C-alpha atoms as a PDB file:
ATOM      1  CA  MET A   1      -0.162   0.014  -0.029  1.00  0.00           C
ATOM      2  CA  TYR A   2       1.481   3.426  -0.735  1.00  0.00           C
ATOM      3  CA  ARG A   3       1.492   6.061   1.506  1.00  0.00           C
ATOM      4  CA  LEU A   4       3.478   9.170   0.280  1.00  0.00           C
ATOM      5  CA  LEU A   5       3.117  10.760  -3.387  1.00  0.00           C
ATOM      6  CA  ALA A   6       5.835  13.132  -4.315  1.00  0.00           C
ATOM      7  CA  ILE A   7       4.691  14.944  -7.241  1.00  0.00           C
ATOM      8  CA  ASP A   8       6.419  17.222  -9.834  1.00  0.00           C
ATOM      9  CA  LEU A   9       4.937  20.510 -10.388  1.00  0.00           C
ATOM     10  CA  ASP A  10       5.607  22.024 -13.953  1.00  0.00           C
ATOM     11  CA  GLY A  11       4.700  19.633 -16.543  1.00  0.00           C
ATOM     12  CA  THR A  12       3.125  17.291 -13.970  1.00  0.00           C
ATOM     13  CA  LEU A  13       0.710  18.244 -11.745  1.00  0.00           C
ATOM     14  CA  LEU A  14      -0.062  21.719 -13.670  1.00  0.00           C
ATOM     15  CA  THR A  15      -1.787  21.843 -16.949  1.00  0.00           C
ATOM     16  CA  PRO A  16       0.147  23.553 -19.650  1.00  0.00           C
ATOM     17  CA  GLN A  17      -1.655  26.708 -18.535  1.00  0.00           C
ATOM     18  CA  LYS A  18       0.041  26.450 -15.706  1.00  0.00           C
ATOM     19  CA  LEU A  19      -3.181  24.852 -13.120  1.00  0.00           C
ATOM     20  CA  ILE A  20      -4.202  22.457 -11.127  1.00  0.00           C
ATOM     21  CA  THR A  21      -7.557  21.090 -12.537  1.00  0.00           C
ATOM     22  CA  PRO A  22     -10.640  20.273 -10.349  1.00  0.00           C
ATOM     23  CA  ARG A  23     -10.175  16.717 -10.752  1.00  0.00           C
ATOM     24  CA  THR A  24      -6.743  16.644  -9.794  1.00  0.00           C
ATOM     25  CA  HIS A  25      -7.494  18.817  -6.924  1.00  0.00           C
ATOM     26  CA  LYS A  26     -10.091  16.522  -5.801  1.00  0.00           C
ATOM     27  CA  ALA A  27      -8.039  13.276  -6.215  1.00  0.00           C
ATOM     28  CA  LEU A  28      -5.192  14.882  -4.126  1.00  0.00           C
ATOM     29  CA  GLN A  29      -7.622  15.805  -1.508  1.00  0.00           C
ATOM     30  CA  GLN A  30      -8.896  12.276  -1.541  1.00  0.00           C
ATOM     31  CA  ALA A  31      -5.744  10.792  -1.103  1.00  0.00           C
ATOM     32  CA  ALA A  32      -4.887  12.888   1.849  1.00  0.00           C
ATOM     33  CA  HIS A  33      -8.346  11.859   3.682  1.00  0.00           C
ATOM     34  CA  ALA A  34      -6.749   8.295   2.872  1.00  0.00           C
ATOM     35  CA  GLY A  35      -3.915   9.210   5.214  1.00  0.00           C
ATOM     36  CA  ILE A  36      -1.503   9.454   2.153  1.00  0.00           C
ATOM     37  CA  THR A  37       1.126  12.348   2.296  1.00  0.00           C
ATOM     38  CA  ILE A  38       1.753  14.738  -0.418  1.00  0.00           C
ATOM     39  CA  VAL A  39       5.015  16.127  -0.936  1.00  0.00           C
ATOM     40  CA  ILE A  40       5.288  18.617  -3.896  1.00  0.00           C
ATOM     41  CA  ALA A  41       8.790  17.985  -5.466  1.00  0.00           C
ATOM     42  CA  THR A  42      10.023  20.873  -7.896  1.00  0.00           C
ATOM     43  CA  GLY A  43      12.745  23.167  -9.212  1.00  0.00           C
ATOM     44  CA  GLN A  44      10.782  26.267  -8.392  1.00  0.00           C
ATOM     45  CA  THR A  45      11.336  28.652  -5.485  1.00  0.00           C
ATOM     46  CA  LEU A  46       9.449  28.591  -2.298  1.00  0.00           C
ATOM     47  CA  ALA A  47       7.488  31.791  -3.149  1.00  0.00           C
ATOM     48  CA  VAL A  48       6.308  29.889  -6.315  1.00  0.00           C
ATOM     49  CA  LEU A  49       5.094  26.846  -4.556  1.00  0.00           C
ATOM     50  CA  GLN A  50       3.500  28.882  -1.525  1.00  0.00           C
ATOM     51  CA  ASN A  51       1.591  30.693  -4.426  1.00  0.00           C
ATOM     52  CA  VAL A  52       0.215  27.882  -6.359  1.00  0.00           C
ATOM     53  CA  CYS A  53      -0.481  24.952  -3.952  1.00  0.00           C
ATOM     54  CA  VAL A  54      -2.836  27.041  -1.851  1.00  0.00           C
ATOM     55  CA  GLY A  55      -5.513  25.064  -0.916  1.00  0.00           C
ATOM     56  CA  LEU A  56      -3.831  21.718  -1.569  1.00  0.00           C
ATOM     57  CA  PRO A  57      -3.753  19.272   1.532  1.00  0.00           C
ATOM     58  CA  LEU A  58       0.336  19.647   1.982  1.00  0.00           C
ATOM     59  CA  ARG A  59       1.289  18.982   5.558  1.00  0.00           C
ATOM     60  CA  ALA A  60       4.628  17.351   5.423  1.00  0.00           C
ATOM     61  CA  PRO A  61       8.120  19.280   4.483  1.00  0.00           C
ATOM     62  CA  GLN A  62       8.226  20.409   0.540  1.00  0.00           C
ATOM     63  CA  ILE A  63      10.882  19.842  -1.573  1.00  0.00           C
ATOM     64  CA  ILE A  64      12.130  23.068  -3.535  1.00  0.00           C
ATOM     65  CA  GLU A  65      15.157  24.168  -5.978  1.00  0.00           C
ATOM     66  CA  ASN A  66      15.193  20.300  -6.907  1.00  0.00           C
ATOM     67  CA  GLY A  67      15.998  19.280  -3.491  1.00  0.00           C
ATOM     68  CA  ALA A  68      18.405  21.841  -2.008  1.00  0.00           C
ATOM     69  CA  ILE A  69      15.685  23.560  -0.013  1.00  0.00           C
ATOM     70  CA  ILE A  70      13.068  21.255   2.071  1.00  0.00           C
ATOM     71  CA  ALA A  71      10.455  23.738   3.712  1.00  0.00           C
ATOM     72  CA  ASP A  72       7.171  23.974   5.574  1.00  0.00           C
ATOM     73  CA  ILE A  73       5.852  25.935   2.823  1.00  0.00           C
ATOM     74  CA  HIS A  74       3.120  27.271   5.371  1.00  0.00           C
ATOM     75  CA  SER A  75       5.426  29.123   7.555  1.00  0.00           C
ATOM     76  CA  GLY A  76       8.456  29.826   5.279  1.00  0.00           C
ATOM     77  CA  LYS A  77      10.585  28.187   7.405  1.00  0.00           C
ATOM     78  CA  VAL A  78      13.422  26.345   5.797  1.00  0.00           C
ATOM     79  CA  LEU A  79      14.133  23.091   7.640  1.00  0.00           C
ATOM     80  CA  HIS A  80      17.299  21.726   5.404  1.00  0.00           C
ATOM     81  CA  GLU A  81      19.366  23.539   2.566  1.00  0.00           C
ATOM     82  CA  LYS A  82      22.639  22.752   0.888  1.00  0.00           C
ATOM     83  CA  LEU A  83      24.058  25.808  -1.284  1.00  0.00           C
ATOM     84  CA  ILE A  84      26.448  25.359  -4.191  1.00  0.00           C
ATOM     85  CA  PRO A  85      30.077  25.216  -2.639  1.00  0.00           C
ATOM     86  CA  PRO A  86      31.323  28.652  -3.289  1.00  0.00           C
ATOM     87  CA  GLU A  87      34.563  27.786  -5.265  1.00  0.00           C
ATOM     88  CA  HIS A  88      32.407  25.943  -7.853  1.00  0.00           C
ATOM     89  CA  ILE A  89      30.141  29.106  -8.733  1.00  0.00           C
ATOM     90  CA  LEU A  90      32.269  30.862 -11.188  1.00  0.00           C
ATOM     91  CA  SER A  91      33.337  28.007 -12.805  1.00  0.00           C
ATOM     92  CA  ALA A  92      29.785  26.811 -13.304  1.00  0.00           C
ATOM     93  CA  LEU A  93      28.860  30.248 -14.823  1.00  0.00           C
ATOM     94  CA  SER A  94      31.796  30.425 -17.169  1.00  0.00           C
ATOM     95  CA  ALA A  95      30.964  26.795 -18.498  1.00  0.00           C
ATOM     96  CA  LEU A  96      27.465  27.992 -19.469  1.00  0.00           C
ATOM     97  CA  ARG A  97      28.344  30.983 -21.037  1.00  0.00           C
ATOM     98  CA  ALA A  98      30.917  29.166 -22.879  1.00  0.00           C
ATOM     99  CA  LEU A  99      28.459  26.942 -24.275  1.00  0.00           C
ATOM    100  CA  GLY A 100      26.455  30.095 -25.598  1.00  0.00           C
ATOM    101  CA  LEU A 101      23.727  29.550 -22.595  1.00  0.00           C
ATOM    102  CA  HIS A 102      21.808  32.689 -20.618  1.00  0.00           C
ATOM    103  CA  ARG A 103      22.332  32.284 -17.040  1.00  0.00           C
ATOM    104  CA  ALA A 104      20.180  32.733 -13.927  1.00  0.00           C
ATOM    105  CA  TYR A 105      21.768  33.063 -10.039  1.00  0.00           C
ATOM    106  CA  HIS A 106      19.158  31.531  -7.696  1.00  0.00           C
ATOM    107  CA  THR A 107      19.214  33.107  -3.908  1.00  0.00           C
ATOM    108  CA  LEU A 108      16.596  32.180  -1.080  1.00  0.00           C
ATOM    109  CA  HIS A 109      14.523  35.436  -2.223  1.00  0.00           C
ATOM    110  CA  ARG A 110      15.516  36.104  -5.674  1.00  0.00           C
ATOM    111  CA  VAL A 111      16.386  34.989  -8.853  1.00  0.00           C
ATOM    112  CA  TYR A 112      18.707  36.863 -11.331  1.00  0.00           C
ATOM    113  CA  VAL A 113      19.366  36.669 -14.768  1.00  0.00           C
ATOM    114  CA  ASP A 114      21.695  38.200 -17.541  1.00  0.00           C
ATOM    115  CA  LYS A 115      20.244  40.485 -19.399  1.00  0.00           C
ATOM    116  CA  ASP A 116      18.376  39.483 -22.472  1.00  0.00           C
ATOM    117  CA  THR A 117      17.636  36.027 -20.938  1.00  0.00           C
ATOM    118  CA  PRO A 118      14.733  34.301 -22.988  1.00  0.00           C
ATOM    119  CA  ARG A 119      11.123  34.232 -21.384  1.00  0.00           C
ATOM    120  CA  ALA A 120      13.118  34.910 -17.925  1.00  0.00           C
ATOM    121  CA  GLN A 121      10.255  37.959 -17.456  1.00  0.00           C
ATOM    122  CA  LYS A 122       7.499  35.041 -17.578  1.00  0.00           C
ATOM    123  CA  TRP A 123       8.765  33.031 -15.561  1.00  0.00           C
ATOM    124  CA  TYR A 124       6.672  34.256 -12.367  1.00  0.00           C
ATOM    125  CA  ARG A 125       3.559  35.552 -12.250  1.00  0.00           C
ATOM    126  CA  PRO A 126       2.822  38.035  -9.235  1.00  0.00           C
ATOM    127  CA  PRO A 127       2.719  38.161  -6.411  1.00  0.00           C
ATOM    128  CA  VAL A 128       5.712  36.129  -7.077  1.00  0.00           C
ATOM    129  CA  PRO A 129       8.607  38.224  -7.656  1.00  0.00           C
ATOM    130  CA  ALA A 130       9.956  38.948 -11.184  1.00  0.00           C
ATOM    131  CA  ALA A 131      13.560  37.840 -12.090  1.00  0.00           C
ATOM    132  CA  VAL A 132      15.997  40.289 -11.938  1.00  0.00           C
ATOM    133  CA  GLU A 133      17.823  41.194 -15.044  1.00  0.00           C
ATOM    134  CA  VAL A 134      21.446  42.262 -14.347  1.00  0.00           C
ATOM    135  CA  GLU A 135      24.572  42.787 -17.097  1.00  0.00           C
ATOM    136  CA  ASP A 136      26.258  39.820 -15.977  1.00  0.00           C
ATOM    137  CA  VAL A 137      25.298  37.409 -12.952  1.00  0.00           C
ATOM    138  CA  ALA A 138      28.864  36.486 -12.344  1.00  0.00           C
ATOM    139  CA  ALA A 139      29.341  40.263 -10.536  1.00  0.00           C
ATOM    140  CA  LEU A 140      26.787  39.090  -7.722  1.00  0.00           C
ATOM    141  CA  TYR A 141      29.475  36.433  -6.663  1.00  0.00           C
ATOM    142  CA  PRO A 142      30.241  35.739  -3.951  1.00  0.00           C
ATOM    143  CA  LEU A 143      26.243  35.930  -2.808  1.00  0.00           C
ATOM    144  CA  SER A 144      25.249  33.031  -1.423  1.00  0.00           C
ATOM    145  CA  CYS A 145      23.931  30.818  -4.346  1.00  0.00           C
ATOM    146  CA  ILE A 146      21.337  27.882  -4.124  1.00  0.00           C
ATOM    147  CA  LYS A 147      21.845  27.062  -7.481  1.00  0.00           C
ATOM    148  CA  VAL A 148      22.966  28.070 -11.042  1.00  0.00           C
ATOM    149  CA  ALA A 149      21.085  27.362 -14.027  1.00  0.00           C
ATOM    150  CA  GLY A 150      21.552  27.943 -17.898  1.00  0.00           C
ATOM    151  CA  ILE A 151      19.043  28.375 -20.186  1.00  0.00           C
ATOM    152  CA  GLY A 152      19.119  27.393 -23.859  1.00  0.00           C
ATOM    153  CA  GLU A 153      17.759  25.817 -26.906  1.00  0.00           C
ATOM    154  CA  ALA A 154      15.669  22.630 -26.495  1.00  0.00           C
ATOM    155  CA  GLU A 155      17.285  21.367 -29.355  1.00  0.00           C
ATOM    156  CA  SER A 156      20.601  21.150 -28.271  1.00  0.00           C
ATOM    157  CA  LEU A 157      20.477  21.375 -24.393  1.00  0.00           C
ATOM    158  CA  ARG A 158      20.135  17.541 -23.555  1.00  0.00           C
ATOM    159  CA  GLU A 159      23.361  16.928 -25.399  1.00  0.00           C
ATOM    160  CA  LYS A 160      25.211  20.353 -23.700  1.00  0.00           C
ATOM    161  CA  ARG A 161      23.767  19.020 -20.392  1.00  0.00           C
ATOM    162  CA  ARG A 162      25.423  15.942 -20.401  1.00  0.00           C
ATOM    163  CA  GLU A 163      28.421  17.530 -21.276  1.00  0.00           C
ATOM    164  CA  LEU A 164      28.632  19.824 -18.421  1.00  0.00           C
ATOM    165  CA  GLU A 165      27.588  16.355 -16.230  1.00  0.00           C
ATOM    166  CA  ARG A 166      31.143  15.081 -17.774  1.00  0.00           C
ATOM    167  CA  ILE A 167      33.063  18.346 -16.535  1.00  0.00           C
ATOM    168  CA  PHE A 168      31.400  18.510 -13.731  1.00  0.00           C
ATOM    169  CA  GLU A 169      31.038  15.099 -12.353  1.00  0.00           C
ATOM    170  CA  GLY A 170      31.799  14.830  -8.562  1.00  0.00           C
ATOM    171  CA  ARG A 171      32.083  18.562  -7.706  1.00  0.00           C
ATOM    172  CA  LEU A 172      28.054  19.540  -8.740  1.00  0.00           C
ATOM    173  CA  TYR A 173      25.147  17.539  -9.334  1.00  0.00           C
ATOM    174  CA  VAL A 174      24.123  18.998 -13.225  1.00  0.00           C
ATOM    175  CA  THR A 175      20.316  18.148 -13.946  1.00  0.00           C
ATOM    176  CA  GLN A 176      17.848  19.483 -16.267  1.00  0.00           C
ATOM    177  CA  SER A 177      14.856  20.864 -14.982  1.00  0.00           C
ATOM    178  CA  SER A 178      13.045  21.619 -18.179  1.00  0.00           C
ATOM    179  CA  PHE A 179      12.946  21.387 -21.877  1.00  0.00           C
ATOM    180  CA  ASP A 180      15.102  24.765 -22.436  1.00  0.00           C
ATOM    181  CA  ILE A 181      16.964  25.051 -18.468  1.00  0.00           C
ATOM    182  CA  VAL A 182      19.762  22.752 -17.361  1.00  0.00           C
ATOM    183  CA  GLU A 183      20.705  23.559 -13.718  1.00  0.00           C
ATOM    184  CA  PHE A 184      23.927  23.575 -11.284  1.00  0.00           C
ATOM    185  CA  LEU A 185      23.441  22.091  -7.405  1.00  0.00           C
ATOM    186  CA  HIS A 186      25.447  21.091  -4.486  1.00  0.00           C
ATOM    187  CA  PRO A 187      26.829  17.379  -5.266  1.00  0.00           C
ATOM    188  CA  GLU A 188      24.526  15.697  -2.892  1.00  0.00           C
ATOM    189  CA  VAL A 189      21.242  17.679  -3.594  1.00  0.00           C
ATOM    190  CA  SER A 190      18.874  15.855  -5.973  1.00  0.00           C
ATOM    191  CA  LYS A 191      14.783  15.503  -5.627  1.00  0.00           C
ATOM    192  CA  GLY A 192      15.974  11.731  -5.156  1.00  0.00           C
ATOM    193  CA  ASN A 193      17.688  12.464  -1.957  1.00  0.00           C
ATOM    194  CA  ALA A 194      15.417  15.215  -0.551  1.00  0.00           C
ATOM    195  CA  LEU A 195      12.871  12.709  -1.025  1.00  0.00           C
ATOM    196  CA  LYS A 196      14.919  10.067   0.685  1.00  0.00           C
ATOM    197  CA  PHE A 197      15.544  12.535   3.557  1.00  0.00           C
ATOM    198  CA  ILE A 198      11.786  13.331   4.411  1.00  0.00           C
ATOM    199  CA  ALA A 199      10.279   9.493   3.873  1.00  0.00           C
ATOM    200  CA  THR A 200      13.335   8.396   6.254  1.00  0.00           C
ATOM    201  CA  GLY A 201      11.539  11.093   8.855  1.00  0.00           C
ATOM    202  CA  LEU A 202       7.918   9.869   8.091  1.00  0.00           C
ATOM    203  CA  ASN A 203       8.979   6.184   8.750  1.00  0.00           C
ATOM    204  CA  ILE A 204       7.929   5.772   5.058  1.00  0.00           C
ATOM    205  CA  LYS A 205       9.632   2.805   3.084  1.00  0.00           C
ATOM    206  CA  PRO A 206      10.670   3.232  -0.504  1.00  0.00           C
ATOM    207  CA  GLU A 207       8.312   0.792  -1.725  1.00  0.00           C
ATOM    208  CA  GLU A 208       5.742   2.661   0.038  1.00  0.00           C
ATOM    209  CA  ILE A 209       6.059   5.605  -2.480  1.00  0.00           C
ATOM    210  CA  VAL A 210       5.091   6.876  -5.943  1.00  0.00           C
ATOM    211  CA  ALA A 211       6.819   9.406  -7.620  1.00  0.00           C
ATOM    212  CA  PHE A 212       5.405  11.323 -10.694  1.00  0.00           C
ATOM    213  CA  GLY A 213       7.845  13.557 -12.698  1.00  0.00           C
ATOM    214  CA  ASP A 214       8.003  14.648 -16.619  1.00  0.00           C
ATOM    215  CA  ASN A 215      11.871  15.372 -17.028  1.00  0.00           C
ATOM    216  CA  HIS A 216      15.835  14.708 -15.884  1.00  0.00           C
ATOM    217  CA  ASN A 217      15.652  15.778 -12.605  1.00  0.00           C
ATOM    218  CA  ASP A 218      12.614  13.698 -11.868  1.00  0.00           C
ATOM    219  CA  ILE A 219      14.653  10.382 -12.681  1.00  0.00           C
ATOM    220  CA  GLY A 220      16.248  10.242  -8.904  1.00  0.00           C
ATOM    221  CA  MET A 221      12.819   9.938  -7.451  1.00  0.00           C
ATOM    222  CA  PHE A 222      11.781   7.134  -9.930  1.00  0.00           C
ATOM    223  CA  ARG A 223      14.997   5.283  -8.646  1.00  0.00           C
ATOM    224  CA  LEU A 224      14.109   5.575  -5.145  1.00  0.00           C
ATOM    225  CA  ALA A 225       9.991   5.063  -5.249  1.00  0.00           C
ATOM    226  CA  GLY A 226       8.164   1.616  -5.123  1.00  0.00           C
ATOM    227  CA  LEU A 227       6.552   3.178  -8.527  1.00  0.00           C
ATOM    228  CA  GLY A 228       8.056   5.885 -10.915  1.00  0.00           C
ATOM    229  CA  VAL A 229       5.175   7.536 -12.968  1.00  0.00           C
ATOM    230  CA  ALA A 230       6.123   9.376 -15.959  1.00  0.00           C
ATOM    231  CA  MET A 231       4.224  11.936 -17.827  1.00  0.00           C
ATOM    232  CA  GLY A 232       3.105  11.430 -21.425  1.00  0.00           C
ATOM    233  CA  ASN A 233       4.342  14.854 -22.088  1.00  0.00           C
ATOM    234  CA  ALA A 234       7.654  13.285 -20.154  1.00  0.00           C
ATOM    235  CA  HIS A 235      10.697  13.219 -22.716  1.00  0.00           C
ATOM    236  CA  GLU A 236      11.467   9.813 -23.956  1.00  0.00           C
ATOM    237  CA  GLU A 237      14.738   9.746 -21.370  1.00  0.00           C
ATOM    238  CA  VAL A 238      12.519  10.239 -18.723  1.00  0.00           C
ATOM    239  CA  GLN A 239       9.986   7.773 -19.861  1.00  0.00           C
ATOM    240  CA  ALA A 240      12.446   5.034 -20.204  1.00  0.00           C
ATOM    241  CA  ALA A 241      13.583   5.458 -16.538  1.00  0.00           C
ATOM    242  CA  ALA A 242       9.923   4.971 -15.696  1.00  0.00           C
ATOM    243  CA  ASP A 243       7.415   1.913 -13.876  1.00  0.00           C
ATOM    244  CA  TYR A 244       4.651   3.324 -15.820  1.00  0.00           C
ATOM    245  CA  VAL A 245       3.384   5.999 -17.924  1.00  0.00           C
ATOM    246  CA  THR A 246       0.391   7.815 -17.430  1.00  0.00           C
ATOM    247  CA  PHE A 247      -1.598  10.453 -19.592  1.00  0.00           C
ATOM    248  CA  SER A 248      -0.039  13.904 -20.067  1.00  0.00           C
ATOM    249  CA  ASN A 249      -0.417  16.959 -18.226  1.00  0.00           C
ATOM    250  CA  ALA A 250      -2.883  18.180 -20.210  1.00  0.00           C
ATOM    251  CA  GLU A 251      -5.031  15.152 -19.612  1.00  0.00           C
ATOM    252  CA  ASP A 252      -4.946  14.869 -15.608  1.00  0.00           C
ATOM    253  CA  GLY A 253      -2.560  12.152 -15.948  1.00  0.00           C
ATOM    254  CA  VAL A 254      -1.648  12.635 -12.126  1.00  0.00           C
ATOM    255  CA  ALA A 255      -5.411  12.321 -11.224  1.00  0.00           C
ATOM    256  CA  GLU A 256      -5.798   9.353 -13.452  1.00  0.00           C
ATOM    257  CA  VAL A 257      -3.087   7.238 -11.634  1.00  0.00           C
ATOM    258  CA  ILE A 258      -4.620   7.996  -8.184  1.00  0.00           C
ATOM    259  CA  GLU A 259      -7.568   7.188  -8.771  1.00  0.00           C
ATOM    260  CA  LYS A 260      -7.142   3.732 -10.706  1.00  0.00           C
ATOM    261  CA  MET A 261      -4.034   2.805  -8.924  1.00  0.00           C
ATOM    262  CA  ILE A 262      -3.429   4.285  -5.646  1.00  0.00           C
ATOM    263  CA  LEU A 263      -7.214   4.884  -4.028  1.00  0.00           C
ATOM    264  CA  PRO A 264      -8.854   1.336  -4.474  1.00  0.00           C
ATOM    265  CA  ALA A 265      -6.719   0.013  -2.019  1.00  0.00           C
ATOM    266  CA  PHE A 266      -8.100   2.291   0.343  1.00  0.00           C
ATOM    267  CA  ARG A 267     -11.574   1.049  -0.344  1.00  0.00           C
END
C-alpha cells in the first residue's frame, strides 16, 4: 500500500496553462483523506510553491529548488538546505557562457538573470517576484547561491547537459528541469535525496512511495520510489526510466494514477 506521493510541479501536476484542474485537486484531497502524505517536488522557488499550491493538503515538508531546499511552505521555515559550494559557482557560470547559454543565479528570495535572457520575465506570475535582470550574474558572486541555471535551445540542451555532467562529475549535481533549463546544485542535492530525507523522517519505506515527473530531474525519485510514474508529455529519456507512463499533464495524468492505481487499495 502506498503512503506517500511525490509529485513534480511544472509539466506534471500543473497543466500547460499552469493550473491544477478540479479533477486533480479532488484526487489529491481524496488521497490525503485516506492518510497518504503528499509532497510537491519542484525545481521552483519557495514563493512559487506557496502561491501555486494554496488549498492543497500539504502537511509534510516540501521539496524546493530540486532538493536544495526542504521547507514548511505554510510558515516559510527552511528545514534543510544545501547551497552550491562557493568555489564552484564561477566555474559553473563560465561553463554555461562558453556553451552559449543565458544564466540565472538563484538566492533564497530572488532570482537574477543575465540581461535579455529569453522568457525570463514570464517565469513568475505576481505576487511572486519577477526575475531581476543584470548585466552579468557573475558579478553577484560571492552572494550565497542555491543553484546556477543555464537557459538555451531545447534542440541542443540535452547534449549540452551531458557535456556539463561530464565536466563537473563529482563536483556538482547537473540536471535538467525543463526543455530549455539546465541546473547546477550541490553534489549531494537531488529530488531523490530530498525525498529519501523526508520519507525517512516520516518512517515511510521507499516501496511505499509513488513519484510522478516529466523531466531529467525527476529520475532520481523514480529510482527511489516503489512506483515511478512518467507523464505522457515527458521526454523519452524520462519515460524509459519510469515504471509506468500515464496520460499527459493536459489530460489529468496524475489524477488518473491516483484514481485507478492508488485509491482502490483504501476502499
